[in-house]
Amino acid sequence: MSDPKLLTSNKLEDTLLDIIVCPIDKQPLIYSYIDDINSPILANIRINRYYEIKDSIPILLEEESIDINNNEIEILKRNTIRTTGK
């Protein structure tokens, strides 16, 4: 589900997205956004956490992950660009 409007310094290449998984549960993540398509994140809605992307580098550290509330989960589902992993 690629979105051509995602033209940002935080865009991740498909080859990288193909191999990324959550460092906590080792399962695929959702490449999505909450408010701004040009500020995508990597979210794990199974554990209600997300990881920021800074300068096209995913910050996949458990201690840097951020809580997601139920409203944000619904937004992330609607705004999913793609899932990670093959």
PDB file of N, CA and C in Angstrom:
ATOM      1  N   MET A   1       0.829  -1.186   0.000  1.00  0.00           N
ATOM      2  CA  MET A   1       0.000   0.000   0.000  1.00  0.00           C
ATOM      3  C   MET A   1       0.871   1.246   0.000  1.00  0.00           C
ATOM      4  N   SER A   2       1.676   1.442  -0.985  1.00  0.00           N
ATOM      5  CA  SER A   2       2.587   2.570  -1.035  1.00  0.00           C
ATOM      6  C   SER A   2       1.823   3.856  -1.341  1.00  0.00           C
ATOM      7  N   ASP A   3       2.199   4.925  -0.668  1.00  0.00           N
ATOM      8  CA  ASP A   3       1.539   6.206  -0.859  1.00  0.00           C
ATOM      9  C   ASP A   3       2.530   7.174  -1.484  1.00  0.00           C
ATOM     10  N   PRO A   4       2.255   7.674  -2.702  1.00  0.00           N
ATOM     11  CA  PRO A   4       3.201   8.557  -3.383  1.00  0.00           C
ATOM     12  C   PRO A   4       3.411   9.894  -2.676  1.00  0.00           C
ATOM     13  N   LYS A   5       2.534  10.246  -1.732  1.00  0.00           N
ATOM     14  CA  LYS A   5       2.698  11.515  -1.029  1.00  0.00           C
ATOM     15  C   LYS A   5       3.791  11.452   0.037  1.00  0.00           C
ATOM     16  N   LEU A   6       4.294  10.281   0.320  1.00  0.00           N
ATOM     17  CA  LEU A   6       5.321  10.129   1.342  1.00  0.00           C
ATOM     18  C   LEU A   6       6.677  10.514   0.750  1.00  0.00           C
ATOM     19  N   LEU A   7       6.949  11.798   0.709  1.00  0.00           N
ATOM     20  CA  LEU A   7       8.211  12.329   0.209  1.00  0.00           C
ATOM     21  C   LEU A   7       8.873  13.055   1.366  1.00  0.00           C
ATOM     22  N   THR A   8       9.687  12.345   2.090  1.00  0.00           N
ATOM     23  CA  THR A   8      10.214  12.875   3.333  1.00  0.00           C
ATOM     24  C   THR A   8      11.611  12.353   3.599  1.00  0.00           C
ATOM     25  N   SER A   9      12.323  13.061   4.441  1.00  0.00           N
ATOM     26  CA  SER A   9      13.640  12.585   4.843  1.00  0.00           C
ATOM     27  C   SER A   9      13.511  11.378   5.765  1.00  0.00           C
ATOM     28  N   ASN A  10      12.303  11.115   6.265  1.00  0.00           N
ATOM     29  CA  ASN A  10      12.083   9.970   7.144  1.00  0.00           C
ATOM     30  C   ASN A  10      11.536   8.752   6.408  1.00  0.00           C
ATOM     31  N   LYS A  11      11.488   8.797   5.099  1.00  0.00           N
ATOM     32  CA  LYS A  11      10.997   7.656   4.334  1.00  0.00           C
ATOM     33  C   LYS A  11      11.994   6.513   4.433  1.00  0.00           C
ATOM     34  N   LEU A  12      11.472   5.307   4.633  1.00  0.00           N
ATOM     35  CA  LEU A  12      12.321   4.125   4.686  1.00  0.00           C
ATOM     36  C   LEU A  12      12.182   3.344   3.392  1.00  0.00           C
ATOM     37  N   GLU A  13      13.289   2.819   2.920  1.00  0.00           N
ATOM     38  CA  GLU A  13      13.305   2.032   1.692  1.00  0.00           C
ATOM     39  C   GLU A  13      12.626   0.680   1.924  1.00  0.00           C
ATOM     40  N   ASP A  14      11.999   0.161   0.874  1.00  0.00           N
ATOM     41  CA  ASP A  14      11.315  -1.128   0.968  1.00  0.00           C
ATOM     42  C   ASP A  14      12.254  -2.247   1.386  1.00  0.00           C
ATOM     43  N   THR A  15      13.501  -2.217   0.918  1.00  0.00           N
ATOM     44  CA  THR A  15      14.435  -3.284   1.287  1.00  0.00           C
ATOM     45  C   THR A  15      14.699  -3.298   2.791  1.00  0.00           C
ATOM     46  N   LEU A  16      14.717  -2.136   3.421  1.00  0.00           N
ATOM     47  CA  LEU A  16      14.881  -2.071   4.872  1.00  0.00           C
ATOM     48  C   LEU A  16      13.600  -2.507   5.576  1.00  0.00           C
ATOM     49  N   LEU A  17      12.466  -2.052   5.075  1.00  0.00           N
ATOM     50  CA  LEU A  17      11.188  -2.428   5.676  1.00  0.00           C
ATOM     51  C   LEU A  17      10.941  -3.935   5.584  1.00  0.00           C
ATOM     52  N   ASP A  18      11.505  -4.568   4.568  1.00  0.00           N
ATOM     53  CA  ASP A  18      11.343  -6.014   4.405  1.00  0.00           C
ATOM     54  C   ASP A  18      11.989  -6.807   5.535  1.00  0.00           C
ATOM     55  N   ILE A  19      12.987  -6.237   6.207  1.00  0.00           N
ATOM     56  CA  ILE A  19      13.711  -7.003   7.227  1.00  0.00           C
ATOM     57  C   ILE A  19      13.465  -6.524   8.659  1.00  0.00           C
ATOM     58  N   ILE A  20      12.836  -5.378   8.841  1.00  0.00           N
ATOM     59  CA  ILE A  20      12.616  -4.843  10.187  1.00  0.00           C
ATOM     60  C   ILE A  20      11.506  -5.603  10.902  1.00  0.00           C
ATOM     61  N   VAL A  21      11.760  -5.909  12.170  1.00  0.00           N
ATOM     62  CA  VAL A  21      10.734  -6.464  13.064  1.00  0.00           C
ATOM     63  C   VAL A  21      10.867  -5.757  14.410  1.00  0.00           C
ATOM     64  N   CYS A  22       9.875  -5.922  15.241  1.00  0.00           N
ATOM     65  CA  CYS A  22       9.886  -5.313  16.566  1.00  0.00           C
ATOM     66  C   CYS A  22      10.997  -5.946  17.409  1.00  0.00           C
ATOM     67  N   PRO A  23      11.809  -5.136  18.081  1.00  0.00           N
ATOM     68  CA  PRO A  23      12.862  -5.704  18.922  1.00  0.00           C
ATOM     69  C   PRO A  23      12.325  -6.389  20.185  1.00  0.00           C
ATOM     70  N   ILE A  24      11.070  -6.121  20.529  1.00  0.00           N
ATOM     71  CA  ILE A  24      10.495  -6.704  21.739  1.00  0.00           C
ATOM     72  C   ILE A  24       9.893  -8.081  21.457  1.00  0.00           C
ATOM     73  N   ASP A  25       8.971  -8.163  20.479  1.00  0.00           N
ATOM     74  CA  ASP A  25       8.322  -9.457  20.225  1.00  0.00           C
ATOM     75  C   ASP A  25       8.748 -10.121  18.914  1.00  0.00           C
ATOM     76  N   LYS A  26       9.676  -9.488  18.206  1.00  0.00           N
ATOM     77  CA  LYS A  26      10.255 -10.049  16.969  1.00  0.00           C
ATOM     78  C   LYS A  26       9.219 -10.312  15.877  1.00  0.00           C
ATOM     79  N   GLN A  27       8.141  -9.528  15.870  1.00  0.00           N
ATOM     80  CA  GLN A  27       7.074  -9.654  14.881  1.00  0.00           C
ATOM     81  C   GLN A  27       7.047  -8.399  13.994  1.00  0.00           C
ATOM     82  N   PRO A  28       6.358  -8.449  12.845  1.00  0.00           N
ATOM     83  CA  PRO A  28       6.287  -7.286  11.952  1.00  0.00           C
ATOM     84  C   PRO A  28       5.694  -6.052  12.630  1.00  0.00           C
ATOM     85  N   LEU A  29       6.048  -4.904  12.088  1.00  0.00           N
ATOM     86  CA  LEU A  29       5.558  -3.614  12.557  1.00  0.00           C
ATOM     87  C   LEU A  29       4.692  -2.976  11.479  1.00  0.00           C
ATOM     88  N   ILE A  30       3.943  -1.975  11.850  1.00  0.00           N
ATOM     89  CA  ILE A  30       3.161  -1.189  10.898  1.00  0.00           C
ATOM     90  C   ILE A  30       3.926   0.101  10.618  1.00  0.00           C
ATOM     91  N   TYR A  31       4.214   0.336   9.360  1.00  0.00           N
ATOM     92  CA  TYR A  31       4.820   1.604   8.916  1.00  0.00           C
ATOM     93  C   TYR A  31       3.647   2.517   8.626  1.00  0.00           C
ATOM     94  N   SER A  32       3.446   3.515   9.464  1.00  0.00           N
ATOM     95  CA  SER A  32       2.231   4.321   9.420  1.00  0.00           C
ATOM     96  C   SER A  32       2.525   5.723   9.947  1.00  0.00           C
ATOM     97  N   TYR A  33       1.474   6.497  10.153  1.00  0.00           N
ATOM     98  CA  TYR A  33       1.617   7.831  10.735  1.00  0.00           C
ATOM     99  C   TYR A  33       0.351   8.171  11.499  1.00  0.00           C
ATOM    100  N   ILE A  34       0.491   9.118  12.438  1.00  0.00           N
ATOM    101  CA  ILE A  34      -0.663   9.538  13.231  1.00  0.00           C
ATOM    102  C   ILE A  34      -1.252  10.820  12.669  1.00  0.00           C
ATOM    103  N   ASP A  35      -0.465  11.886  12.617  1.00  0.00           N
ATOM    104  CA  ASP A  35      -0.979  13.186  12.166  1.00  0.00           C
ATOM    105  C   ASP A  35      -0.466  13.619  10.793  1.00  0.00           C
ATOM    106  N   ASP A  36       0.767  13.300  10.497  1.00  0.00           N
ATOM    107  CA  ASP A  36       1.430  13.845   9.311  1.00  0.00           C
ATOM    108  C   ASP A  36       2.125  12.713   8.552  1.00  0.00           C
ATOM    109  N   ILE A  37       1.755  12.532   7.304  1.00  0.00           N
ATOM    110  CA  ILE A  37       2.354  11.468   6.498  1.00  0.00           C
ATOM    111  C   ILE A  37       3.870  11.629   6.394  1.00  0.00           C
ATOM    112  N   ASN A  38       4.358  12.851   6.536  1.00  0.00           N
ATOM    113  CA  ASN A  38       5.790  13.090   6.460  1.00  0.00           C
ATOM    114  C   ASN A  38       6.501  12.872   7.791  1.00  0.00           C
ATOM    115  N   SER A  39       5.783  12.325   8.759  1.00  0.00           N
ATOM    116  CA  SER A  39       6.372  11.920  10.045  1.00  0.00           C
ATOM    117  C   SER A  39       5.951  10.484  10.353  1.00  0.00           C
ATOM    118  N   PRO A  40       6.367   9.547   9.501  1.00  0.00           N
ATOM    119  CA  PRO A  40       5.959   8.155   9.730  1.00  0.00           C
ATOM    120  C   PRO A  40       6.642   7.565  10.963  1.00  0.00           C
ATOM    121  N   ILE A  41       6.049   6.514  11.476  1.00  0.00           N
ATOM    122  CA  ILE A  41       6.588   5.778  12.615  1.00  0.00           C
ATOM    123  C   ILE A  41       6.465   4.295  12.329  1.00  0.00           C
ATOM    124  N   LEU A  42       7.076   3.493  13.163  1.00  0.00           N
ATOM    125  CA  LEU A  42       6.939   2.047  13.115  1.00  0.00           C
ATOM    126  C   LEU A  42       6.205   1.633  14.379  1.00  0.00           C
ATOM    127  N   ALA A  43       5.029   1.052  14.211  1.00  0.00           N
ATOM    128  CA  ALA A  43       4.182   0.765  15.366  1.00  0.00           C
ATOM    129  C   ALA A  43       3.962  -0.730  15.550  1.00  0.00           C
ATOM    130  N   ASN A  44       3.879  -1.101  16.814  1.00  0.00           N
ATOM    131  CA  ASN A  44       3.504  -2.465  17.178  1.00  0.00           C
ATOM    132  C   ASN A  44       2.211  -2.346  17.974  1.00  0.00           C
ATOM    133  N   ILE A  45       1.084  -2.604  17.306  1.00  0.00           N
ATOM    134  CA  ILE A  45      -0.207  -2.451  17.982  1.00  0.00           C
ATOM    135  C   ILE A  45      -0.520  -3.646  18.886  1.00  0.00           C
ATOM    136  N   ARG A  46       0.269  -4.706  18.796  1.00  0.00           N
ATOM    137  CA  ARG A  46       0.082  -5.842  19.703  1.00  0.00           C
ATOM    138  C   ARG A  46       0.505  -5.484  21.123  1.00  0.00           C
ATOM    139  N   ILE A  47       1.518  -4.625  21.240  1.00  0.00           N
ATOM    140  CA  ILE A  47       2.013  -4.249  22.569  1.00  0.00           C
ATOM    141  C   ILE A  47       1.822  -2.761  22.860  1.00  0.00           C
ATOM    142  N   ASN A  48       1.096  -2.053  21.976  1.00  0.00           N
ATOM    143  CA  ASN A  48       0.781  -0.627  22.148  1.00  0.00           C
ATOM    144  C   ASN A  48       2.020   0.254  22.304  1.00  0.00           C
ATOM    145  N   ARG A  49       2.986   0.049  21.404  1.00  0.00           N
ATOM    146  CA  ARG A  49       4.216   0.844  21.422  1.00  0.00           C
ATOM    147  C   ARG A  49       4.564   1.236  19.990  1.00  0.00           C
ATOM    148  N   TYR A  50       5.275   2.369  19.846  1.00  0.00           N
ATOM    149  CA  TYR A  50       5.800   2.725  18.528  1.00  0.00           C
ATOM    150  C   TYR A  50       7.223   3.241  18.635  1.00  0.00           C
ATOM    151  N   TYR A  51       7.898   3.235  17.471  1.00  0.00           N
ATOM    152  CA  TYR A  51       9.287   3.656  17.359  1.00  0.00           C
ATOM    153  C   TYR A  51       9.357   4.817  16.383  1.00  0.00           C
ATOM    154  N   GLU A  52      10.092   5.841  16.752  1.00  0.00           N
ATOM    155  CA  GLU A  52      10.255   6.995  15.872  1.00  0.00           C
ATOM    156  C   GLU A  52      11.274   6.689  14.774  1.00  0.00           C
ATOM    157  N   ILE A  53      11.197   7.487  13.731  1.00  0.00           N
ATOM    158  CA  ILE A  53      12.165   7.435  12.636  1.00  0.00           C
ATOM    159  C   ILE A  53      12.786   8.826  12.562  1.00  0.00           C
ATOM    160  N   LYS A  54      14.101   8.892  12.692  1.00  0.00           N
ATOM    161  CA  LYS A  54      14.800  10.179  12.669  1.00  0.00           C
ATOM    162  C   LYS A  54      15.834  10.157  11.552  1.00  0.00           C
ATOM    163  N   ASP A  55      15.691  11.076  10.606  1.00  0.00           N
ATOM    164  CA  ASP A  55      16.608  11.155   9.465  1.00  0.00           C
ATOM    165  C   ASP A  55      16.743   9.809   8.759  1.00  0.00           C
ATOM    166  N   SER A  56      15.605   9.169   8.523  1.00  0.00           N
ATOM    167  CA  SER A  56      15.526   7.875   7.835  1.00  0.00           C
ATOM    168  C   SER A  56      16.186   6.736   8.603  1.00  0.00           C
ATOM    169  N   ILE A  57      16.350   6.909   9.903  1.00  0.00           N
ATOM    170  CA  ILE A  57      16.915   5.858  10.750  1.00  0.00           C
ATOM    171  C   ILE A  57      15.863   5.457  11.776  1.00  0.00           C
ATOM    172  N   PRO A  58      15.384   4.218  11.707  1.00  0.00           N
ATOM    173  CA  PRO A  58      14.410   3.769  12.710  1.00  0.00           C
ATOM    174  C   PRO A  58      15.103   3.568  14.058  1.00  0.00           C
ATOM    175  N   ILE A  59      14.517   4.130  15.098  1.00  0.00           N
ATOM    176  CA  ILE A  59      15.071   4.023  16.452  1.00  0.00           C
ATOM    177  C   ILE A  59      14.411   2.813  17.123  1.00  0.00           C
ATOM    178  N   LEU A  60      14.960   1.647  16.876  1.00  0.00           N
ATOM    179  CA  LEU A  60      14.357   0.391  17.313  1.00  0.00           C
ATOM    180  C   LEU A  60      14.945  -0.085  18.637  1.00  0.00           C
ATOM    181  N   LEU A  61      14.870   0.756  19.631  1.00  0.00           N
ATOM    182  CA  LEU A  61      15.333   0.429  20.972  1.00  0.00           C
ATOM    183  C   LEU A  61      14.133   0.378  21.904  1.00  0.00           C
ATOM    184  N   GLU A  62      14.022  -0.686  22.670  1.00  0.00           N
ATOM    185  CA  GLU A  62      12.887  -0.846  23.571  1.00  0.00           C
ATOM    186  C   GLU A  62      12.738   0.353  24.500  1.00  0.00           C
ATOM    187  N   GLU A  63      13.847   0.839  25.037  1.00  0.00           N
ATOM    188  CA  GLU A  63      13.791   1.963  25.972  1.00  0.00           C
ATOM    189  C   GLU A  63      13.414   3.293  25.307  1.00  0.00           C
ATOM    190  N   GLU A  64      13.467   3.354  23.980  1.00  0.00           N
ATOM    191  CA  GLU A  64      13.076   4.562  23.243  1.00  0.00           C
ATOM    192  C   GLU A  64      11.657   4.464  22.683  1.00  0.00           C
ATOM    193  N   SER A  65      11.030   3.300  22.826  1.00  0.00           N
ATOM    194  CA  SER A  65       9.664   3.142  22.296  1.00  0.00           C
ATOM    195  C   SER A  65       8.688   3.984  23.106  1.00  0.00           C
ATOM    196  N   ILE A  66       7.574   4.337  22.469  1.00  0.00           N
ATOM    197  CA  ILE A  66       6.592   5.262  23.042  1.00  0.00           C
ATOM    198  C   ILE A  66       5.229   4.586  23.089  1.00  0.00           C
ATOM    199  N   ASP A  67       4.489   4.840  24.166  1.00  0.00           N
ATOM    200  CA  ASP A  67       3.148   4.267  24.321  1.00  0.00           C
ATOM    201  C   ASP A  67       2.182   4.786  23.258  1.00  0.00           C
ATOM    202  N   ILE A  68       1.276   3.917  22.835  1.00  0.00           N
ATOM    203  CA  ILE A  68       0.192   4.268  21.917  1.00  0.00           C
ATOM    204  C   ILE A  68      -1.119   4.091  22.668  1.00  0.00           C
ATOM    205  N   ASN A  69      -2.013   5.089  22.561  1.00  0.00           N
ATOM    206  CA  ASN A  69      -3.328   4.925  23.188  1.00  0.00           C
ATOM    207  C   ASN A  69      -4.304   4.316  22.166  1.00  0.00           C
ATOM    208  N   ASN A  70      -5.482   3.923  22.623  1.00  0.00           N
ATOM    209  CA  ASN A  70      -6.455   3.245  21.750  1.00  0.00           C
ATOM    210  C   ASN A  70      -6.886   4.091  20.564  1.00  0.00           C
ATOM    211  N   ASN A  71      -7.042   5.400  20.740  1.00  0.00           N
ATOM    212  CA  ASN A  71      -7.411   6.267  19.613  1.00  0.00           C
ATOM    213  C   ASN A  71      -6.320   6.280  18.554  1.00  0.00           C
ATOM    214  N   GLU A  72      -5.064   6.320  18.992  1.00  0.00           N
ATOM    215  CA  GLU A  72      -3.947   6.327  18.048  1.00  0.00           C
ATOM    216  C   GLU A  72      -3.846   5.006  17.292  1.00  0.00           C
ATOM    217  N   ILE A  73      -4.183   3.904  17.941  1.00  0.00           N
ATOM    218  CA  ILE A  73      -4.154   2.602  17.264  1.00  0.00           C
ATOM    219  C   ILE A  73      -5.101   2.605  16.074  1.00  0.00           C
ATOM    220  N   GLU A  74      -6.290   3.127  16.260  1.00  0.00           N
ATOM    221  CA  GLU A  74      -7.260   3.186  15.158  1.00  0.00           C
ATOM    222  C   GLU A  74      -6.756   4.083  14.029  1.00  0.00           C
ATOM    223  N   ILE A  75      -6.140   5.194  14.372  1.00  0.00           N
ATOM    224  CA  ILE A  75      -5.577   6.101  13.361  1.00  0.00           C
ATOM    225  C   ILE A  75      -4.452   5.403  12.606  1.00  0.00           C
ATOM    226  N   LEU A  76      -3.572   4.726  13.335  1.00  0.00           N
ATOM    227  CA  LEU A  76      -2.462   4.013  12.701  1.00  0.00           C
ATOM    228  C   LEU A  76      -2.960   2.938  11.742  1.00  0.00           C
ATOM    229  N   LYS A  77      -3.991   2.231  12.121  1.00  0.00           N
ATOM    230  CA  LYS A  77      -4.558   1.203  11.240  1.00  0.00           C
ATOM    231  C   LYS A  77      -5.063   1.823   9.942  1.00  0.00           C
ATOM    232  N   ARG A  78      -5.781   2.950  10.059  1.00  0.00           N
ATOM    233  CA  ARG A  78      -6.316   3.630   8.866  1.00  0.00           C
ATOM    234  C   ARG A  78      -5.210   4.187   7.981  1.00  0.00           C
ATOM    235  N   ASN A  79      -4.111   4.650   8.593  1.00  0.00           N
ATOM    236  CA  ASN A  79      -3.040   5.331   7.859  1.00  0.00           C
ATOM    237  C   ASN A  79      -1.874   4.421   7.488  1.00  0.00           C
ATOM    238  N   THR A  80      -2.053   3.122   7.606  1.00  0.00           N
ATOM    239  CA  THR A  80      -0.940   2.201   7.330  1.00  0.00           C
ATOM    240  C   THR A  80      -0.432   2.356   5.903  1.00  0.00           C
ATOM    241  N   ILE A  81       0.850   2.550   5.792  1.00  0.00           N
ATOM    242  CA  ILE A  81       1.514   2.626   4.483  1.00  0.00           C
ATOM    243  C   ILE A  81       1.870   1.202   4.035  1.00  0.00           C
ATOM    244  N   ARG A  82       2.408   0.421   4.951  1.00  0.00           N
ATOM    245  CA  ARG A  82       2.690  -0.998   4.721  1.00  0.00           C
ATOM    246  C   ARG A  82       3.126  -1.624   6.027  1.00  0.00           C
ATOM    247  N   THR A  83       3.233  -2.937   6.038  1.00  0.00           N
ATOM    248  CA  THR A  83       3.772  -3.630   7.198  1.00  0.00           C
ATOM    249  C   THR A  83       5.205  -4.036   6.879  1.00  0.00           C
ATOM    250  N   THR A  84       5.970  -4.270   7.926  1.00  0.00           N
ATOM    251  CA  THR A  84       7.354  -4.671   7.729  1.00  0.00           C
ATOM    252  C   THR A  84       7.448  -6.182   7.645  1.00  0.00           C
ATOM    253  N   GLY A  85       8.632  -6.637   7.324  1.00  0.00           N
ATOM    254  CA  GLY A  85       8.856  -8.078   7.200  1.00  0.00           C
ATOM    255  C   GLY A  85       8.311  -8.597   5.895  1.00  0.00           C
ATOM    256  N   LYS A  86       8.832  -9.704   5.462  1.00  0.00           N
ATOM    257  CA  LYS A  86       8.357 -10.325   4.217  1.00  0.00           C
ATOM    258  C   LYS A  86       7.421 -11.439   4.507  1.00  0.00           C
TER     259      LYS A  86
END
